[in-house]
Amino acid sequence: MARMHSRRKGQSGSTHPLREKHPEWSSLNPREIEGRILELAKAEKSTSQIGMILRDQYAVPDVKVATGKTISEILLAHNIKPEIPEDLQNLIKTALKLKKHLDGNPKDYQMKRSLQLTESKIRRLMKYYHREERLPEGWKYSLDQAKLMFE
């Protein structure tokens, strides 16, 4: 399948090695892993940051294999969910960086195009999250609102 915003073919992604059970060398059991996830979530870490911290500091190679649930599912079970999903937040932050660059460099046409493509991805994701009811009703993206939200 081709890439969305270029005329190139896609590259296949890497796959995790198939693991059927939690390795013996990992020191935490599933209940302790859930406790660590909740601690890190209360410290306002994102799901990807939680996964990296568990991997690097607590030797948990795969949360889903260890607990049977993903980090997001564990957080939803304990009623801890972000107002805006993490991937949408990251795209909005990228759009803000691009806009800041464009304010100082108005002739940078490549960045203008990049901002257009990023905002297109944001709108597409926003439509999906409204359909899945993961965004609040009536939530809309605008650069001005995003500046207030993230600064």
C-alpha atoms as a PDB file:
ATOM      1  CA  MET A   1       0.000   0.000   0.000  1.00  0.00           C
ATOM      2  CA  ALA A   2       1.265   3.487  -0.801  1.00  0.00           C
ATOM      3  CA  ARG A   3       2.028   6.243   1.660  1.00  0.00           C
ATOM      4  CA  MET A   4      -0.726   8.736   2.252  1.00  0.00           C
ATOM      5  CA  HIS A   5       1.023  12.037   1.479  1.00  0.00           C
ATOM      6  CA  SER A   6       3.771  10.953  -0.921  1.00  0.00           C
ATOM      7  CA  ARG A   7       4.166   8.913  -4.050  1.00  0.00           C
ATOM      8  CA  ARG A   8       6.255   6.215  -2.373  1.00  0.00           C
ATOM      9  CA  LYS A   9       5.426   2.672  -1.487  1.00  0.00           C
ATOM     10  CA  GLY A  10       5.182   1.863   2.192  1.00  0.00           C
ATOM     11  CA  GLN A  11       7.744  -0.143   4.101  1.00  0.00           C
ATOM     12  CA  SER A  12       6.748  -3.059   6.210  1.00  0.00           C
ATOM     13  CA  GLY A  13       6.957  -2.403   9.938  1.00  0.00           C
ATOM     14  CA  SER A  14       8.914  -4.392  12.470  1.00  0.00           C
ATOM     15  CA  THR A  15       7.121  -7.063  14.445  1.00  0.00           C
ATOM     16  CA  HIS A  16       7.681  -8.064  18.037  1.00  0.00           C
ATOM     17  CA  PRO A  17       8.929 -11.569  18.608  1.00  0.00           C
ATOM     18  CA  LEU A  18       6.039 -13.827  19.534  1.00  0.00           C
ATOM     19  CA  ARG A  19       5.991 -14.325  23.258  1.00  0.00           C
ATOM     20  CA  GLU A  20       3.414 -16.591  24.780  1.00  0.00           C
ATOM     21  CA  LYS A  21       4.158 -16.063  28.486  1.00  0.00           C
ATOM     22  CA  HIS A  22       5.822 -13.573  30.772  1.00  0.00           C
ATOM     23  CA  PRO A  23       9.562 -14.338  31.074  1.00  0.00           C
ATOM     24  CA  GLU A  24      10.917 -15.720  34.348  1.00  0.00           C
ATOM     25  CA  TRP A  25      13.717 -13.157  34.539  1.00  0.00           C
ATOM     26  CA  SER A  26      11.228 -10.287  34.876  1.00  0.00           C
ATOM     27  CA  SER A  27      10.928  -9.405  38.547  1.00  0.00           C
ATOM     28  CA  LEU A  28       7.339  -8.081  38.669  1.00  0.00           C
ATOM     29  CA  ASN A  29       4.127 -10.091  38.692  1.00  0.00           C
ATOM     30  CA  PRO A  30       0.948  -8.824  36.929  1.00  0.00           C
ATOM     31  CA  ARG A  31      -0.550  -7.214  40.042  1.00  0.00           C
ATOM     32  CA  GLU A  32       2.664  -5.261  40.724  1.00  0.00           C
ATOM     33  CA  ILE A  33       2.832  -4.177  37.081  1.00  0.00           C
ATOM     34  CA  GLU A  34      -0.708  -2.758  37.284  1.00  0.00           C
ATOM     35  CA  GLY A  35       0.250  -0.925  40.480  1.00  0.00           C
ATOM     36  CA  ARG A  36       3.291   0.629  38.777  1.00  0.00           C
ATOM     37  CA  ILE A  37       1.152   1.650  35.790  1.00  0.00           C
ATOM     38  CA  LEU A  38      -1.337   3.400  38.073  1.00  0.00           C
ATOM     39  CA  GLU A  39       1.475   5.153  39.985  1.00  0.00           C
ATOM     40  CA  LEU A  40       3.010   6.431  36.758  1.00  0.00           C
ATOM     41  CA  ALA A  41      -0.378   7.515  35.410  1.00  0.00           C
ATOM     42  CA  LYS A  42      -1.011   9.532  38.581  1.00  0.00           C
ATOM     43  CA  ALA A  43       2.394  11.171  37.979  1.00  0.00           C
ATOM     44  CA  GLU A  44       0.878  12.348  34.640  1.00  0.00           C
ATOM     45  CA  LYS A  45       2.962  10.140  32.355  1.00  0.00           C
ATOM     46  CA  SER A  46       1.565   9.216  28.941  1.00  0.00           C
ATOM     47  CA  THR A  47       0.953   5.600  27.968  1.00  0.00           C
ATOM     48  CA  SER A  48       4.056   5.458  25.766  1.00  0.00           C
ATOM     49  CA  GLN A  49       6.187   6.947  28.566  1.00  0.00           C
ATOM     50  CA  ILE A  50       4.749   4.389  30.992  1.00  0.00           C
ATOM     51  CA  GLY A  51       5.664   1.571  28.618  1.00  0.00           C
ATOM     52  CA  MET A  52       9.238   2.823  28.215  1.00  0.00           C
ATOM     53  CA  ILE A  53       9.698   3.296  31.963  1.00  0.00           C
ATOM     54  CA  LEU A  54       8.411  -0.221  32.645  1.00  0.00           C
ATOM     55  CA  ARG A  55      10.724  -1.613  29.974  1.00  0.00           C
ATOM     56  CA  ASP A  56      13.849   0.299  31.025  1.00  0.00           C
ATOM     57  CA  GLN A  57      13.575   0.532  34.814  1.00  0.00           C
ATOM     58  CA  TYR A  58      11.423  -2.443  35.839  1.00  0.00           C
ATOM     59  CA  ALA A  59      12.432  -5.043  33.182  1.00  0.00           C
ATOM     60  CA  VAL A  60       8.917  -5.631  31.863  1.00  0.00           C
ATOM     61  CA  PRO A  61       9.378  -6.419  28.147  1.00  0.00           C
ATOM     62  CA  ASP A  62       5.691  -6.562  27.199  1.00  0.00           C
ATOM     63  CA  VAL A  63       2.830  -5.395  29.412  1.00  0.00           C
ATOM     64  CA  LYS A  64       0.162  -7.147  27.353  1.00  0.00           C
ATOM     65  CA  VAL A  65       1.884 -10.526  27.647  1.00  0.00           C
ATOM     66  CA  ALA A  66       2.483 -10.021  31.381  1.00  0.00           C
ATOM     67  CA  THR A  67      -1.008  -8.842  32.369  1.00  0.00           C
ATOM     68  CA  GLY A  68      -3.251  -9.864  29.477  1.00  0.00           C
ATOM     69  CA  LYS A  69      -4.283  -6.214  28.973  1.00  0.00           C
ATOM     70  CA  THR A  70      -2.693  -3.200  27.330  1.00  0.00           C
ATOM     71  CA  ILE A  71      -1.684  -0.123  29.312  1.00  0.00           C
ATOM     72  CA  SER A  72      -4.667   1.790  27.896  1.00  0.00           C
ATOM     73  CA  GLU A  73      -7.092  -0.973  28.921  1.00  0.00           C
ATOM     74  CA  ILE A  74      -5.675  -1.001  32.459  1.00  0.00           C
ATOM     75  CA  LEU A  75      -6.072   2.778  32.726  1.00  0.00           C
ATOM     76  CA  LEU A  76      -9.642   2.629  31.376  1.00  0.00           C
ATOM     77  CA  ALA A  77     -10.515  -0.089  33.904  1.00  0.00           C
ATOM     78  CA  HIS A  78      -9.445   2.299  36.690  1.00  0.00           C
ATOM     79  CA  ASN A  79     -11.238   5.313  35.115  1.00  0.00           C
ATOM     80  CA  ILE A  80      -8.014   7.108  34.258  1.00  0.00           C
ATOM     81  CA  LYS A  81      -8.174   8.319  30.694  1.00  0.00           C
ATOM     82  CA  PRO A  82      -6.833  11.478  29.076  1.00  0.00           C
ATOM     83  CA  GLU A  83      -9.262  14.035  27.706  1.00  0.00           C
ATOM     84  CA  ILE A  84      -7.486  13.910  24.328  1.00  0.00           C
ATOM     85  CA  PRO A  85      -5.838  10.687  23.055  1.00  0.00           C
ATOM     86  CA  GLU A  86      -2.042  10.689  23.011  1.00  0.00           C
ATOM     87  CA  ASP A  87      -1.549  10.373  19.248  1.00  0.00           C
ATOM     88  CA  LEU A  88      -3.812  13.366  18.639  1.00  0.00           C
ATOM     89  CA  GLN A  89      -1.926  15.376  21.290  1.00  0.00           C
ATOM     90  CA  ASN A  90       1.382  14.609  19.584  1.00  0.00           C
ATOM     91  CA  LEU A  91       0.059  15.731  16.202  1.00  0.00           C
ATOM     92  CA  ILE A  92      -1.284  18.965  17.713  1.00  0.00           C
ATOM     93  CA  LYS A  93       2.108  19.669  19.334  1.00  0.00           C
ATOM     94  CA  THR A  94       3.778  19.084  15.965  1.00  0.00           C
ATOM     95  CA  ALA A  95       1.369  21.515  14.297  1.00  0.00           C
ATOM     96  CA  LEU A  96       2.167  24.133  16.953  1.00  0.00           C
ATOM     97  CA  LYS A  97       5.917  23.746  16.337  1.00  0.00           C
ATOM     98  CA  LEU A  98       5.401  24.079  12.584  1.00  0.00           C
ATOM     99  CA  LYS A  99       3.230  27.193  13.042  1.00  0.00           C
ATOM    100  CA  LYS A 100       5.826  28.765  15.330  1.00  0.00           C
ATOM    101  CA  HIS A 101       8.474  28.143  12.684  1.00  0.00           C
ATOM    102  CA  LEU A 102       6.238  29.620   9.976  1.00  0.00           C
ATOM    103  CA  ASP A 103       5.675  32.787  12.011  1.00  0.00           C
ATOM    104  CA  GLY A 104       9.416  33.481  11.834  1.00  0.00           C
ATOM    105  CA  ASN A 105       9.898  32.138   8.293  1.00  0.00           C
ATOM    106  CA  PRO A 106       6.837  33.021   6.191  1.00  0.00           C
ATOM    107  CA  LYS A 107       8.500  32.060   2.873  1.00  0.00           C
ATOM    108  CA  ASP A 108       9.194  28.471   3.917  1.00  0.00           C
ATOM    109  CA  TYR A 109       6.743  26.792   1.541  1.00  0.00           C
ATOM    110  CA  GLN A 110       7.829  23.294   2.471  1.00  0.00           C
ATOM    111  CA  MET A 111       6.788  23.970   6.073  1.00  0.00           C
ATOM    112  CA  LYS A 112       3.469  25.408   4.912  1.00  0.00           C
ATOM    113  CA  ARG A 113       2.785  22.168   3.071  1.00  0.00           C
ATOM    114  CA  SER A 114       3.929  20.162   6.087  1.00  0.00           C
ATOM    115  CA  LEU A 115       1.527  22.109   8.319  1.00  0.00           C
ATOM    116  CA  GLN A 116      -1.321  21.446   5.874  1.00  0.00           C
ATOM    117  CA  LEU A 117      -0.601  17.707   5.891  1.00  0.00           C
ATOM    118  CA  THR A 118      -0.342  17.609   9.701  1.00  0.00           C
ATOM    119  CA  GLU A 119      -3.640  19.453  10.102  1.00  0.00           C
ATOM    120  CA  SER A 120      -5.211  17.051   7.626  1.00  0.00           C
ATOM    121  CA  LYS A 121      -4.076  14.128   9.791  1.00  0.00           C
ATOM    122  CA  ILE A 122      -5.467  15.887  12.877  1.00  0.00           C
ATOM    123  CA  ARG A 123      -8.878  16.362  11.248  1.00  0.00           C
ATOM    124  CA  ARG A 124      -8.964  12.745  10.087  1.00  0.00           C
ATOM    125  CA  LEU A 125      -8.076  11.453  13.567  1.00  0.00           C
ATOM    126  CA  MET A 126     -10.562  13.844  15.155  1.00  0.00           C
ATOM    127  CA  LYS A 127     -13.319  12.450  12.939  1.00  0.00           C
ATOM    128  CA  TYR A 128     -12.386   8.903  13.951  1.00  0.00           C
ATOM    129  CA  TYR A 129     -12.310   9.700  17.683  1.00  0.00           C
ATOM    130  CA  HIS A 130     -15.697  11.435  17.477  1.00  0.00           C
ATOM    131  CA  ARG A 131     -17.110   8.298  15.845  1.00  0.00           C
ATOM    132  CA  GLU A 132     -15.566   6.105  18.565  1.00  0.00           C
ATOM    133  CA  GLU A 133     -16.758   8.594  21.263  1.00  0.00           C
ATOM    134  CA  ARG A 134     -13.269   9.046  22.694  1.00  0.00           C
ATOM    135  CA  LEU A 135     -13.384  12.828  22.290  1.00  0.00           C
ATOM    136  CA  PRO A 136     -15.859  15.081  24.116  1.00  0.00           C
ATOM    137  CA  GLU A 137     -18.906  16.062  22.097  1.00  0.00           C
ATOM    138  CA  GLY A 138     -18.382  19.358  20.307  1.00  0.00           C
ATOM    139  CA  TRP A 139     -14.568  19.274  20.622  1.00  0.00           C
ATOM    140  CA  LYS A 140     -12.965  20.979  17.632  1.00  0.00           C
ATOM    141  CA  TYR A 141      -9.371  21.601  16.661  1.00  0.00           C
ATOM    142  CA  SER A 142      -8.054  25.094  16.100  1.00  0.00           C
ATOM    143  CA  LEU A 143      -4.522  26.437  16.427  1.00  0.00           C
ATOM    144  CA  ASP A 144      -5.596  29.146  18.870  1.00  0.00           C
ATOM    145  CA  GLN A 145      -7.287  26.624  21.154  1.00  0.00           C
ATOM    146  CA  ALA A 146      -4.268  24.314  20.865  1.00  0.00           C
ATOM    147  CA  LYS A 147      -1.910  27.121  21.956  1.00  0.00           C
ATOM    148  CA  LEU A 148      -3.988  27.658  25.084  1.00  0.00           C
ATOM    149  CA  MET A 149      -4.188  23.929  25.769  1.00  0.00           C
ATOM    150  CA  PHE A 150      -0.481  23.143  25.551  1.00  0.00           C
ATOM    151  CA  GLU A 151       1.188  26.321  26.786  1.00  0.00           C
END
